[in-house]
């Protein structure tokens, strides 16, 4: 029996070799899958992406319009920080900008020489550091505690109870604390009924910074719990099983498996928190301003409101707000750079 070329002794032919797709074939496949002509770099052309994602773009248009109207267009009003702005020199406040005299950096020089500004800045920094130290670890600890609960129903109930105060307004939060820790609150009245002297934490200027930190923890810790629980849900159970097989106990597993998994989320939230360092709160402090006095409750946000809205000094208030925003941007960039040095992504990539 004669054998043909390329055949085996049993008469069968070997399977044909699978050829690697050439660049021309790959380009043809891309061209067939994507409508339109692909670019030289292999990227989808803008015209094709615009036609493909037009439904998503239409859905985001209302949000973009709101951002432009309430976040970006008002930035043009910062020009009054370099003027002696008077809203009454024209028929409306917008055209008054074009008729107000320019004073250059006079408002900023006034800010540097203003002791009330430095007092508000000092209170802001102290409250930020205190809230960063006392507030930030609480959601992590509570998330680890809830995650260790075995029964799903108990876990869901505990999570809902802790998250509920996040939906409360600051008016309600301050009212709840007033009814508990005020001079006519439950604790003070109970102590007086048993012969003890009562107390009023809501009017104690020395303890005010700890009071507002406790209010922030009670109100916003639930939101942080949701974020950290979502990060914990993404941790593979194989890592815990492997650590347990190596003899790691509960604390070892938390230190070497859980916390490293939470590190990217912690870095991201820290960057956002540092960027918001000079905005420790407005409504919370404004509601309690008259109970403890301006010396303890005045922060930069309330200082800008007091100078701009109450006193009508719009140019000076705009200058303070502009400096506050510029420092916040620098803090975000610096904190994000620090996160990159630690090997984390932060808010944006390198």
Foldseek 3Di string as FASTA:
>chain_A
DDADPQADPVNHHDDDDDDDDDPVRVLVVLPVVQPDHADPVRDRDPVSVCVVCVVVVVVCVVVVVVCCVPPPVCVVVLVLLQFQQDQPVDPGNVVSSVVTGGNGNPLVVVLVVDVLNVLQAVLLLVLLVVLVVPQVVVLVVVLVVLVPDDDPVVSVVVLCVQQVLLPDDLVVLVVVCCQDQACVHDVQVVQVVVPHHGDGPLQDLVCVSVVVSVSCNSRCSSVSSVVLNVLQVPFDVVLVVVCVVVPDDPVRCCVPGSVVSCVQVSLQVVLVSQLCSQPPDDPNLVVSCVSHHCSRRRHLNNVLCCCCVVVVSPNSSSNSVVVSNVVSVVSSVVSCVVCVVVVHQHPHHD
